[in-house]
PDB file of all heavy atoms in Angstrom:
ATOM      1  N   ARG A   1      65.839 172.401 -70.432  1.00  0.00           N
ATOM      2  CA  ARG A   1      64.416 172.561 -70.741  1.00  0.00           C
ATOM      3  C   ARG A   1      63.821 171.311 -71.378  1.00  0.00           C
ATOM      4  O   ARG A   1      62.714 170.890 -71.037  1.00  0.00           O
ATOM      5  CB  ARG A   1      64.223 173.746 -71.686  1.00  0.00           C
ATOM      6  CG  ARG A   1      62.751 174.074 -71.920  1.00  0.00           C
ATOM      7  CD  ARG A   1      62.540 175.050 -73.079  1.00  0.00           C
ATOM      8  NE  ARG A   1      63.437 176.192 -73.048  1.00  0.00           N
ATOM      9  CZ  ARG A   1      63.463 177.125 -73.996  1.00  0.00           C
ATOM     10  NH1 ARG A   1      62.635 177.029 -75.053  1.00  0.00           N
ATOM     11  NH2 ARG A   1      64.311 178.138 -73.924  1.00  0.00           N
ATOM     12  N   TYR A   2      64.562 170.680 -72.296  1.00  0.00           N
ATOM     13  CA  TYR A   2      63.992 169.581 -73.079  1.00  0.00           C
ATOM     14  C   TYR A   2      64.443 168.201 -72.624  1.00  0.00           C
ATOM     15  O   TYR A   2      63.906 167.192 -73.084  1.00  0.00           O
ATOM     16  CB  TYR A   2      64.336 169.764 -74.565  1.00  0.00           C
ATOM     17  CG  TYR A   2      63.660 170.970 -75.179  1.00  0.00           C
ATOM     18  CD1 TYR A   2      64.394 172.073 -75.567  1.00  0.00           C
ATOM     19  CD2 TYR A   2      62.284 170.994 -75.370  1.00  0.00           C
ATOM     20  CE1 TYR A   2      63.779 173.189 -76.142  1.00  0.00           C
ATOM     21  CE2 TYR A   2      61.655 172.093 -75.924  1.00  0.00           C
ATOM     22  CZ  TYR A   2      62.415 173.188 -76.308  1.00  0.00           C
ATOM     23  OH  TYR A   2      61.797 174.292 -76.864  1.00  0.00           O
ATOM     24  N   GLY A   3      65.413 168.130 -71.758  1.00  0.00           N
ATOM     25  CA  GLY A   3      65.835 166.846 -71.219  1.00  0.00           C
ATOM     26  C   GLY A   3      66.400 165.913 -72.280  1.00  0.00           C
ATOM     27  O   GLY A   3      67.166 166.320 -73.159  1.00  0.00           O
ATOM     28  N   GLU A   4      66.000 164.641 -72.212  1.00  0.00           N
ATOM     29  CA  GLU A   4      66.565 163.614 -73.085  1.00  0.00           C
ATOM     30  C   GLU A   4      66.158 163.779 -74.550  1.00  0.00           C
ATOM     31  O   GLU A   4      66.745 163.123 -75.416  1.00  0.00           O
ATOM     32  CB  GLU A   4      66.143 162.228 -72.588  1.00  0.00           C
ATOM     33  CG  GLU A   4      66.718 161.871 -71.226  1.00  0.00           C
ATOM     34  CD  GLU A   4      66.317 160.484 -70.795  1.00  0.00           C
ATOM     35  OE1 GLU A   4      65.538 159.838 -71.543  1.00  0.00           O
ATOM     36  OE2 GLU A   4      66.764 160.030 -69.715  1.00  0.00           O
ATOM     37  N   ARG A   5      65.172 164.612 -74.813  1.00  0.00           N
ATOM     38  CA  ARG A   5      64.760 164.818 -76.214  1.00  0.00           C
ATOM     39  C   ARG A   5      65.830 165.553 -77.015  1.00  0.00           C
ATOM     40  O   ARG A   5      65.848 165.480 -78.235  1.00  0.00           O
ATOM     41  CB  ARG A   5      63.452 165.607 -76.269  1.00  0.00           C
ATOM     42  CG  ARG A   5      62.267 164.906 -75.633  1.00  0.00           C
ATOM     43  CD  ARG A   5      61.040 165.798 -75.694  1.00  0.00           C
ATOM     44  NE  ARG A   5      60.648 166.088 -77.060  1.00  0.00           N
ATOM     45  CZ  ARG A   5      59.781 167.054 -77.390  1.00  0.00           C
ATOM     46  NH1 ARG A   5      59.278 167.830 -76.439  1.00  0.00           N
ATOM     47  NH2 ARG A   5      59.450 167.246 -78.641  1.00  0.00           N
ATOM     48  N   LEU A   6      66.716 166.259 -76.299  1.00  0.00           N
ATOM     49  CA  LEU A   6      67.782 167.013 -76.967  1.00  0.00           C
ATOM     50  C   LEU A   6      69.134 166.483 -76.516  1.00  0.00           C
ATOM     51  O   LEU A   6      69.438 166.428 -75.324  1.00  0.00           O
ATOM     52  CB  LEU A   6      67.679 168.499 -76.617  1.00  0.00           C
ATOM     53  CG  LEU A   6      68.825 169.394 -77.109  1.00  0.00           C
ATOM     54  CD1 LEU A   6      68.891 169.414 -78.636  1.00  0.00           C
ATOM     55  CD2 LEU A   6      68.670 170.812 -76.574  1.00  0.00           C
ATOM     56  N   ARG A   7      69.947 166.083 -77.491  1.00  0.00           N
ATOM     57  CA  ARG A   7      71.310 165.650 -77.208  1.00  0.00           C
ATOM     58  C   ARG A   7      72.286 166.624 -77.862  1.00  0.00           C
ATOM     59  O   ARG A   7      72.063 167.057 -79.000  1.00  0.00           O
ATOM     60  CB  ARG A   7      71.546 164.243 -77.727  1.00  0.00           C
ATOM     61  CG  ARG A   7      70.792 163.183 -76.936  1.00  0.00           C
ATOM     62  CD  ARG A   7      71.332 161.801 -77.233  1.00  0.00           C
ATOM     63  NE  ARG A   7      70.920 161.331 -78.530  1.00  0.00           N
ATOM     64  CZ  ARG A   7      71.606 160.458 -79.274  1.00  0.00           C
ATOM     65  NH1 ARG A   7      72.773 160.016 -78.843  1.00  0.00           N
ATOM     66  NH2 ARG A   7      71.145 160.054 -80.429  1.00  0.00           N
ATOM     67  N   VAL A   8      73.343 166.946 -77.153  1.00  0.00           N
ATOM     68  CA  VAL A   8      74.336 167.889 -77.655  1.00  0.00           C
ATOM     69  C   VAL A   8      75.679 167.180 -77.757  1.00  0.00           C
ATOM     70  O   VAL A   8      76.121 166.536 -76.796  1.00  0.00           O
ATOM     71  CB  VAL A   8      74.456 169.130 -76.743  1.00  0.00           C
ATOM     72  CG1 VAL A   8      75.561 170.057 -77.258  1.00  0.00           C
ATOM     73  CG2 VAL A   8      73.121 169.867 -76.677  1.00  0.00           C
ATOM     74  N   ILE A   9      76.305 167.308 -78.912  1.00  0.00           N
ATOM     75  CA  ILE A   9      77.644 166.759 -79.138  1.00  0.00           C
ATOM     76  C   ILE A   9      78.596 167.929 -79.316  1.00  0.00           C
ATOM     77  O   ILE A   9      78.346 168.816 -80.140  1.00  0.00           O
ATOM     78  CB  ILE A   9      77.675 165.862 -80.389  1.00  0.00           C
ATOM     79  CG1 ILE A   9      76.680 164.707 -80.250  1.00  0.00           C
ATOM     80  CG2 ILE A   9      79.087 165.334 -80.638  1.00  0.00           C
ATOM     81  CD1 ILE A   9      76.510 163.905 -81.518  1.00  0.00           C
ATOM     82  N   HIS A  10      79.672 167.947 -78.555  1.00  0.00           N
ATOM     83  CA  HIS A  10      80.659 169.013 -78.669  1.00  0.00           C
ATOM     84  C   HIS A  10      81.843 168.505 -79.494  1.00  0.00           C
ATOM     85  O   HIS A  10      82.580 167.613 -79.056  1.00  0.00           O
ATOM     86  CB  HIS A  10      81.115 169.474 -77.288  1.00  0.00           C
ATOM     87  CG  HIS A  10      80.018 170.089 -76.474  1.00  0.00           C
ATOM     88  ND1 HIS A  10      79.570 171.387 -76.691  1.00  0.00           N
ATOM     89  CD2 HIS A  10      79.265 169.578 -75.475  1.00  0.00           C
ATOM     90  CE1 HIS A  10      78.598 171.649 -75.834  1.00  0.00           C
ATOM     91  NE2 HIS A  10      78.388 170.580 -75.089  1.00  0.00           N
ATOM     92  N   ARG A  11      81.987 169.058 -80.663  1.00  0.00           N
ATOM     93  CA  ARG A  11      83.100 168.694 -81.549  1.00  0.00           C
ATOM     94  C   ARG A  11      84.245 169.662 -81.266  1.00  0.00           C
ATOM     95  O   ARG A  11      84.200 170.817 -81.666  1.00  0.00           O
ATOM     96  CB  ARG A  11      82.634 168.793 -83.003  1.00  0.00           C
ATOM     97  CG  ARG A  11      83.603 168.224 -84.025  1.00  0.00           C
ATOM     98  CD  ARG A  11      83.014 168.381 -85.416  1.00  0.00           C
ATOM     99  NE  ARG A  11      83.856 167.780 -86.436  1.00  0.00           N
ATOM    100  CZ  ARG A  11      84.110 168.336 -87.609  1.00  0.00           C
ATOM    101  NH1 ARG A  11      83.588 169.520 -87.916  1.00  0.00           N
ATOM    102  NH2 ARG A  11      84.868 167.728 -88.490  1.00  0.00           N
ATOM    103  N   ARG A  12      85.282 169.190 -80.591  1.00  0.00           N
ATOM    104  CA  ARG A  12      86.296 170.094 -80.068  1.00  0.00           C
ATOM    105  C   ARG A  12      87.562 170.169 -80.916  1.00  0.00           C
ATOM    106  O   ARG A  12      88.307 171.136 -80.815  1.00  0.00           O
ATOM    107  CB  ARG A  12      86.665 169.672 -78.642  1.00  0.00           C
ATOM    108  CG  ARG A  12      85.442 169.620 -77.711  1.00  0.00           C
ATOM    109  CD  ARG A  12      85.847 169.403 -76.275  1.00  0.00           C
ATOM    110  NE  ARG A  12      84.693 169.209 -75.413  1.00  0.00           N
ATOM    111  CZ  ARG A  12      83.909 170.171 -74.955  1.00  0.00           C
ATOM    112  NH1 ARG A  12      84.153 171.426 -75.291  1.00  0.00           N
ATOM    113  NH2 ARG A  12      82.876 169.901 -74.170  1.00  0.00           N
ATOM    114  N   GLU A  13      87.823 169.161 -81.741  1.00  0.00           N
ATOM    115  CA  GLU A  13      89.055 169.148 -82.516  1.00  0.00           C
ATOM    116  C   GLU A  13      88.778 168.946 -83.996  1.00  0.00           C
ATOM    117  O   GLU A  13      87.797 168.293 -84.365  1.00  0.00           O
ATOM    118  CB  GLU A  13      89.989 168.031 -82.014  1.00  0.00           C
ATOM    119  CG  GLU A  13      90.438 168.209 -80.579  1.00  0.00           C
ATOM    120  CD  GLU A  13      91.360 167.091 -80.138  1.00  0.00           C
ATOM    121  OE1 GLU A  13      91.604 166.164 -80.957  1.00  0.00           O
ATOM    122  OE2 GLU A  13      91.824 167.133 -78.991  1.00  0.00           O
ATOM    123  N   GLU A  14      89.655 169.491 -84.813  1.00  0.00           N
ATOM    124  CA  GLU A  14      89.555 169.289 -86.254  1.00  0.00           C
ATOM    125  C   GLU A  14      89.973 167.856 -86.579  1.00  0.00           C
ATOM    126  O   GLU A  14      91.019 167.384 -86.131  1.00  0.00           O
ATOM    127  CB  GLU A  14      90.480 170.259 -87.003  1.00  0.00           C
ATOM    128  CG  GLU A  14      90.365 170.190 -88.507  1.00  0.00           C
ATOM    129  CD  GLU A  14      89.052 170.769 -89.033  1.00  0.00           C
ATOM    130  OE1 GLU A  14      88.495 171.655 -88.370  1.00  0.00           O
ATOM    131  OE2 GLU A  14      88.614 170.317 -90.101  1.00  0.00           O
ATOM    132  N   PRO A  15      89.150 167.115 -87.315  1.00  0.00           N
ATOM    133  CA  PRO A  15      89.493 165.722 -87.617  1.00  0.00           C
ATOM    134  C   PRO A  15      90.689 165.631 -88.562  1.00  0.00           C
ATOM    135  O   PRO A  15      90.974 166.558 -89.318  1.00  0.00           O
ATOM    136  CB  PRO A  15      88.221 165.192 -88.292  1.00  0.00           C
ATOM    137  CG  PRO A  15      87.580 166.402 -88.889  1.00  0.00           C
ATOM    138  CD  PRO A  15      87.875 167.522 -87.933  1.00  0.00           C
ATOM    139  N   ARG A  16      91.368 164.502 -88.515  1.00  0.00           N
ATOM    140  CA  ARG A  16      92.508 164.298 -89.390  1.00  0.00           C
ATOM    141  C   ARG A  16      92.072 164.038 -90.824  1.00  0.00           C
ATOM    142  O   ARG A  16      92.770 164.389 -91.772  1.00  0.00           O
ATOM    143  CB  ARG A  16      93.340 163.123 -88.881  1.00  0.00           C
ATOM    144  CG  ARG A  16      93.978 163.359 -87.511  1.00  0.00           C
ATOM    145  CD  ARG A  16      94.759 162.145 -87.062  1.00  0.00           C
ATOM    146  NE  ARG A  16      95.357 162.367 -85.741  1.00  0.00           N
ATOM    147  CZ  ARG A  16      96.080 161.446 -85.094  1.00  0.00           C
ATOM    148  NH1 ARG A  16      96.270 160.250 -85.649  1.00  0.00           N
ATOM    149  NH2 ARG A  16      96.588 161.722 -83.910  1.00  0.00           N
ATOM    150  N   GLU A  17      90.927 163.388 -90.991  1.00  0.00           N
ATOM    151  CA  GLU A  17      90.449 163.074 -92.336  1.00  0.00           C
ATOM    152  C   GLU A  17      89.979 164.342 -93.036  1.00  0.00           C
ATOM    153  O   GLU A  17      89.132 165.065 -92.524  1.00  0.00           O
ATOM    154  CB  GLU A  17      89.290 162.068 -92.284  1.00  0.00           C
ATOM    155  CG  GLU A  17      89.640 160.747 -91.622  1.00  0.00           C
ATOM    156  CD  GLU A  17      89.338 160.778 -90.141  1.00  0.00           C
ATOM    157  OE1 GLU A  17      89.269 161.891 -89.571  1.00  0.00           O
ATOM    158  OE2 GLU A  17      89.173 159.697 -89.555  1.00  0.00           O
ATOM    159  N   ARG A  18      90.505 164.594 -94.226  1.00  0.00           N
ATOM    160  CA  ARG A  18      90.113 165.791 -94.976  1.00  0.00           C
ATOM    161  C   ARG A  18      88.630 165.763 -95.311  1.00  0.00           C
ATOM    162  O   ARG A  18      87.969 166.797 -95.345  1.00  0.00           O
ATOM    163  CB  ARG A  18      90.935 165.905 -96.256  1.00  0.00           C
ATOM    164  CG  ARG A  18      90.600 167.152 -97.069  1.00  0.00           C
ATOM    165  CD  ARG A  18      91.457 167.271 -98.312  1.00  0.00           C
ATOM    166  NE  ARG A  18      91.143 168.488 -99.042  1.00  0.00           N
ATOM    167  CZ  ARG A  18      90.151 168.582 -99.932  1.00  0.00           C
ATOM    168  NH1 ARG A  18      89.394 167.528-100.186  1.00  0.00           N
ATOM    169  NH2 ARG A  18      89.918 169.728-100.549  1.00  0.00           N
ATOM    170  N   ASN A  19      88.091 164.585 -95.552  1.00  0.00           N
ATOM    171  CA  ASN A  19      86.679 164.471 -95.915  1.00  0.00           C
ATOM    172  C   ASN A  19      85.747 164.981 -94.828  1.00  0.00           C
ATOM    173  O   ASN A  19      84.589 165.330 -95.110  1.00  0.00           O
ATOM    174  CB  ASN A  19      86.317 163.012 -96.223  1.00  0.00           C
ATOM    175  CG  ASN A  19      86.958 162.511 -97.498  1.00  0.00           C
ATOM    176  OD1 ASN A  19      87.679 163.244 -98.166  1.00  0.00           O
ATOM    177  ND2 ASN A  19      86.704 161.258 -97.835  1.00  0.00           N
ATOM    178  N   LEU A  20      86.228 165.021 -93.595  1.00  0.00           N
ATOM    179  CA  LEU A  20      85.371 165.379 -92.469  1.00  0.00           C
ATOM    180  C   LEU A  20      85.642 166.777 -91.937  1.00  0.00           C
ATOM    181  O   LEU A  20      85.300 167.092 -90.798  1.00  0.00           O
ATOM    182  CB  LEU A  20      85.528 164.344 -91.345  1.00  0.00           C
ATOM    183  CG  LEU A  20      85.061 162.929 -91.689  1.00  0.00           C
ATOM    184  CD1 LEU A  20      85.246 162.001 -90.510  1.00  0.00           C
ATOM    185  CD2 LEU A  20      83.594 162.931 -92.144  1.00  0.00           C
ATOM    186  N   GLN A  21      86.242 167.638 -92.731  1.00  0.00           N
ATOM    187  CA  GLN A  21      86.416 169.018 -92.301  1.00  0.00           C
ATOM    188  C   GLN A  21      85.106 169.776 -92.492  1.00  0.00           C
ATOM    189  O   GLN A  21      84.239 169.392 -93.273  1.00  0.00           O
ATOM    190  CB  GLN A  21      87.538 169.699 -93.092  1.00  0.00           C
ATOM    191  CG  GLN A  21      87.288 169.819 -94.591  1.00  0.00           C
ATOM    192  CD  GLN A  21      88.393 170.567 -95.314  1.00  0.00           C
ATOM    193  OE1 GLN A  21      88.807 171.631 -94.875  1.00  0.00           O
ATOM    194  NE2 GLN A  21      88.869 170.003 -96.414  1.00  0.00           N
ATOM    195  N   GLY A  22      84.960 170.853 -91.767  1.00  0.00           N
ATOM    196  CA  GLY A  22      83.794 171.730 -91.937  1.00  0.00           C
ATOM    197  C   GLY A  22      82.481 171.083 -91.536  1.00  0.00           C
ATOM    198  O   GLY A  22      82.416 170.192 -90.685  1.00  0.00           O
ATOM    199  N   LYS A  23      81.426 171.515 -92.190  1.00  0.00           N
ATOM    200  CA  LYS A  23      80.071 171.084 -91.857  1.00  0.00           C
ATOM    201  C   LYS A  23      79.867 169.589 -92.084  1.00  0.00           C
ATOM    202  O   LYS A  23      79.132 168.935 -91.338  1.00  0.00           O
ATOM    203  CB  LYS A  23      79.063 171.889 -92.681  1.00  0.00           C
ATOM    204  CG  LYS A  23      77.609 171.576 -92.373  1.00  0.00           C
ATOM    205  CD  LYS A  23      76.690 172.424 -93.232  1.00  0.00           C
ATOM    206  CE  LYS A  23      75.224 172.043 -93.043  1.00  0.00           C
ATOM    207  NZ  LYS A  23      74.328 172.840 -93.916  1.00  0.00           N
ATOM    208  N   ALA A  24      80.513 169.039 -93.105  1.00  0.00           N
ATOM    209  CA  ALA A  24      80.369 167.606 -93.380  1.00  0.00           C
ATOM    210  C   ALA A  24      80.779 166.788 -92.168  1.00  0.00           C
ATOM    211  O   ALA A  24      80.114 165.797 -91.802  1.00  0.00           O
ATOM    212  CB  ALA A  24      81.205 167.221 -94.601  1.00  0.00           C
ATOM    213  N   GLY A  25      81.874 167.191 -91.512  1.00  0.00           N
ATOM    214  CA  GLY A  25      82.322 166.473 -90.333  1.00  0.00           C
ATOM    215  C   GLY A  25      81.359 166.586 -89.169  1.00  0.00           C
ATOM    216  O   GLY A  25      81.140 165.622 -88.429  1.00  0.00           O
ATOM    217  N   ALA A  26      80.761 167.769 -89.006  1.00  0.00           N
ATOM    218  CA  ALA A  26      79.784 167.950 -87.936  1.00  0.00           C
ATOM    219  C   ALA A  26      78.561 167.059 -88.164  1.00  0.00           C
ATOM    220  O   ALA A  26      78.051 166.432 -87.228  1.00  0.00           O
ATOM    221  CB  ALA A  26      79.368 169.418 -87.851  1.00  0.00           C
ATOM    222  N   LEU A  27      78.089 166.998 -89.400  1.00  0.00           N
ATOM    223  CA  LEU A  27      76.941 166.142 -89.714  1.00  0.00           C
ATOM    224  C   LEU A  27      77.287 164.678 -89.486  1.00  0.00           C
ATOM    225  O   LEU A  27      76.458 163.898 -88.986  1.00  0.00           O
ATOM    226  CB  LEU A  27      76.505 166.360 -91.164  1.00  0.00           C
ATOM    227  CG  LEU A  27      75.900 167.729 -91.479  1.00  0.00           C
ATOM    228  CD1 LEU A  27      75.667 167.876 -92.971  1.00  0.00           C
ATOM    229  CD2 LEU A  27      74.587 167.928 -90.723  1.00  0.00           C
ATOM    230  N   HIS A  28      78.502 164.292 -89.840  1.00  0.00           N
ATOM    231  CA  HIS A  28      78.912 162.901 -89.658  1.00  0.00           C
ATOM    232  C   HIS A  28      78.951 162.545 -88.169  1.00  0.00           C
ATOM    233  O   HIS A  28      78.547 161.435 -87.784  1.00  0.00           O
ATOM    234  CB  HIS A  28      80.284 162.679 -90.291  1.00  0.00           C
ATOM    235  CG  HIS A  28      80.672 161.235 -90.392  1.00  0.00           C
ATOM    236  ND1 HIS A  28      80.111 160.369 -91.309  1.00  0.00           N
ATOM    237  CD2 HIS A  28      81.570 160.499 -89.670  1.00  0.00           C
ATOM    238  CE1 HIS A  28      80.642 159.169 -91.171  1.00  0.00           C
ATOM    239  NE2 HIS A  28      81.526 159.218 -90.185  1.00  0.00           N
ATOM    240  N   CYS A  29      79.416 163.475 -87.335  1.00  0.00           N
ATOM    241  CA  CYS A  29      79.391 163.252 -85.885  1.00  0.00           C
ATOM    242  C   CYS A  29      77.962 162.991 -85.407  1.00  0.00           C
ATOM    243  O   CYS A  29      77.723 162.100 -84.580  1.00  0.00           O
ATOM    244  CB  CYS A  29      79.974 164.458 -85.155  1.00  0.00           C
ATOM    245  SG  CYS A  29      81.763 164.602 -85.250  1.00  0.00           S
ATOM    246  N   GLY A  30      77.034 163.775 -85.919  1.00  0.00           N
ATOM    247  CA  GLY A  30      75.642 163.583 -85.540  1.00  0.00           C
ATOM    248  C   GLY A  30      75.107 162.245 -86.010  1.00  0.00           C
ATOM    249  O   GLY A  30      74.373 161.552 -85.281  1.00  0.00           O
ATOM    250  N   MET A  31      75.468 161.846 -87.238  1.00  0.00           N
ATOM    251  CA  MET A  31      74.989 160.575 -87.772  1.00  0.00           C
ATOM    252  C   MET A  31      75.524 159.397 -86.971  1.00  0.00           C
ATOM    253  O   MET A  31      74.833 158.380 -86.811  1.00  0.00           O
ATOM    254  CB  MET A  31      75.400 160.443 -89.233  1.00  0.00           C
ATOM    255  CG  MET A  31      74.621 161.330 -90.191  1.00  0.00           C
ATOM    256  SD  MET A  31      72.849 160.943 -90.227  1.00  0.00           S
ATOM    257  CE  MET A  31      72.851 159.265 -90.871  1.00  0.00           C
ATOM    258  N   GLU A  32      76.736 159.507 -86.453  1.00  0.00           N
ATOM    259  CA  GLU A  32      77.298 158.417 -85.662  1.00  0.00           C
ATOM    260  C   GLU A  32      76.522 158.197 -84.360  1.00  0.00           C
ATOM    261  O   GLU A  32      76.541 157.090 -83.807  1.00  0.00           O
ATOM    262  CB  GLU A  32      78.767 158.716 -85.345  1.00  0.00           C
ATOM    263  CG  GLU A  32      79.690 158.602 -86.559  1.00  0.00           C
ATOM    264  CD  GLU A  32      81.135 158.920 -86.217  1.00  0.00           C
ATOM    265  OE1 GLU A  32      81.373 159.862 -85.418  1.00  0.00           O
ATOM    266  OE2 GLU A  32      82.020 158.229 -86.751  1.00  0.00           O
ATOM    267  N   GLN A  33      75.827 159.226 -83.903  1.00  0.00           N
ATOM    268  CA  GLN A  33      75.068 159.124 -82.655  1.00  0.00           C
ATOM    269  C   GLN A  33      73.564 158.965 -82.885  1.00  0.00           C
ATOM    270  O   GLN A  33      72.818 158.771 -81.923  1.00  0.00           O
ATOM    271  CB  GLN A  33      75.305 160.375 -81.800  1.00  0.00           C
ATOM    272  CG  GLN A  33      76.760 160.597 -81.400  1.00  0.00           C
ATOM    273  CD  GLN A  33      77.298 159.497 -80.509  1.00  0.00           C
ATOM    274  OE1 GLN A  33      76.583 158.994 -79.637  1.00  0.00           O
ATOM    275  NE2 GLN A  33      78.543 159.096 -80.735  1.00  0.00           N
ATOM    276  N   ALA A  34      73.137 159.047 -84.134  1.00  0.00           N
ATOM    277  CA  ALA A  34      71.704 159.026 -84.438  1.00  0.00           C
ATOM    278  C   ALA A  34      71.090 157.655 -84.182  1.00  0.00           C
ATOM    279  O   ALA A  34      71.681 156.622 -84.520  1.00  0.00           O
ATOM    280  CB  ALA A  34      71.480 159.433 -85.896  1.00  0.00           C
ATOM    281  N   ARG A  35      69.898 157.650 -83.602  1.00  0.00           N
ATOM    282  CA  ARG A  35      69.182 156.411 -83.313  1.00  0.00           C
ATOM    283  C   ARG A  35      68.014 156.183 -84.260  1.00  0.00           C
ATOM    284  O   ARG A  35      67.409 155.118 -84.251  1.00  0.00           O
ATOM    285  CB  ARG A  35      68.657 156.440 -81.878  1.00  0.00           C
ATOM    286  CG  ARG A  35      69.741 156.623 -80.813  1.00  0.00           C
ATOM    287  CD  ARG A  35      69.101 156.983 -79.489  1.00  0.00           C
ATOM    288  NE  ARG A  35      70.101 157.207 -78.437  1.00  0.00           N
ATOM    289  CZ  ARG A  35      69.861 157.898 -77.337  1.00  0.00           C
ATOM    290  NH1 ARG A  35      68.662 158.424 -77.133  1.00  0.00           N
ATOM    291  NH2 ARG A  35      70.822 158.061 -76.432  1.00  0.00           N
ATOM    292  N   GLY A  36      67.678 157.191 -85.056  1.00  0.00           N
ATOM    293  CA  GLY A  36      66.503 157.092 -85.913  1.00  0.00           C
ATOM    294  C   GLY A  36      66.746 156.287 -87.174  1.00  0.00           C
ATOM    295  O   GLY A  36      67.882 156.040 -87.578  1.00  0.00           O
ATOM    296  N   GLU A  37      65.646 155.910 -87.809  1.00  0.00           N
ATOM    297  CA  GLU A  37      65.712 155.234 -89.111  1.00  0.00           C
ATOM    298  C   GLU A  37      65.926 156.245 -90.236  1.00  0.00           C
ATOM    299  O   GLU A  37      66.460 155.905 -91.294  1.00  0.00           O
ATOM    300  CB  GLU A  37      64.414 154.464 -89.346  1.00  0.00           C
ATOM    301  CG  GLU A  37      64.111 153.405 -88.301  1.00  0.00           C
ATOM    302  CD  GLU A  37      62.687 152.911 -88.404  1.00  0.00           C
ATOM    303  OE1 GLU A  37      62.355 152.290 -89.446  1.00  0.00           O
ATOM    304  OE2 GLU A  37      61.887 153.159 -87.475  1.00  0.00           O
TER     305      GLU A  37
END
C-alpha cells in the first residue's frame, strides 16, 4: 500500500550481544537503517 515510504526489517535471530536483547536490539536494528537526521 505505501511502497518505499515503509521499510520492513525482519529480525530473525537473537543477537549475541547482551545489550541488544529484547526491544533495545530491535530499535538498534532500525537505527542502523535510518536515513533521517
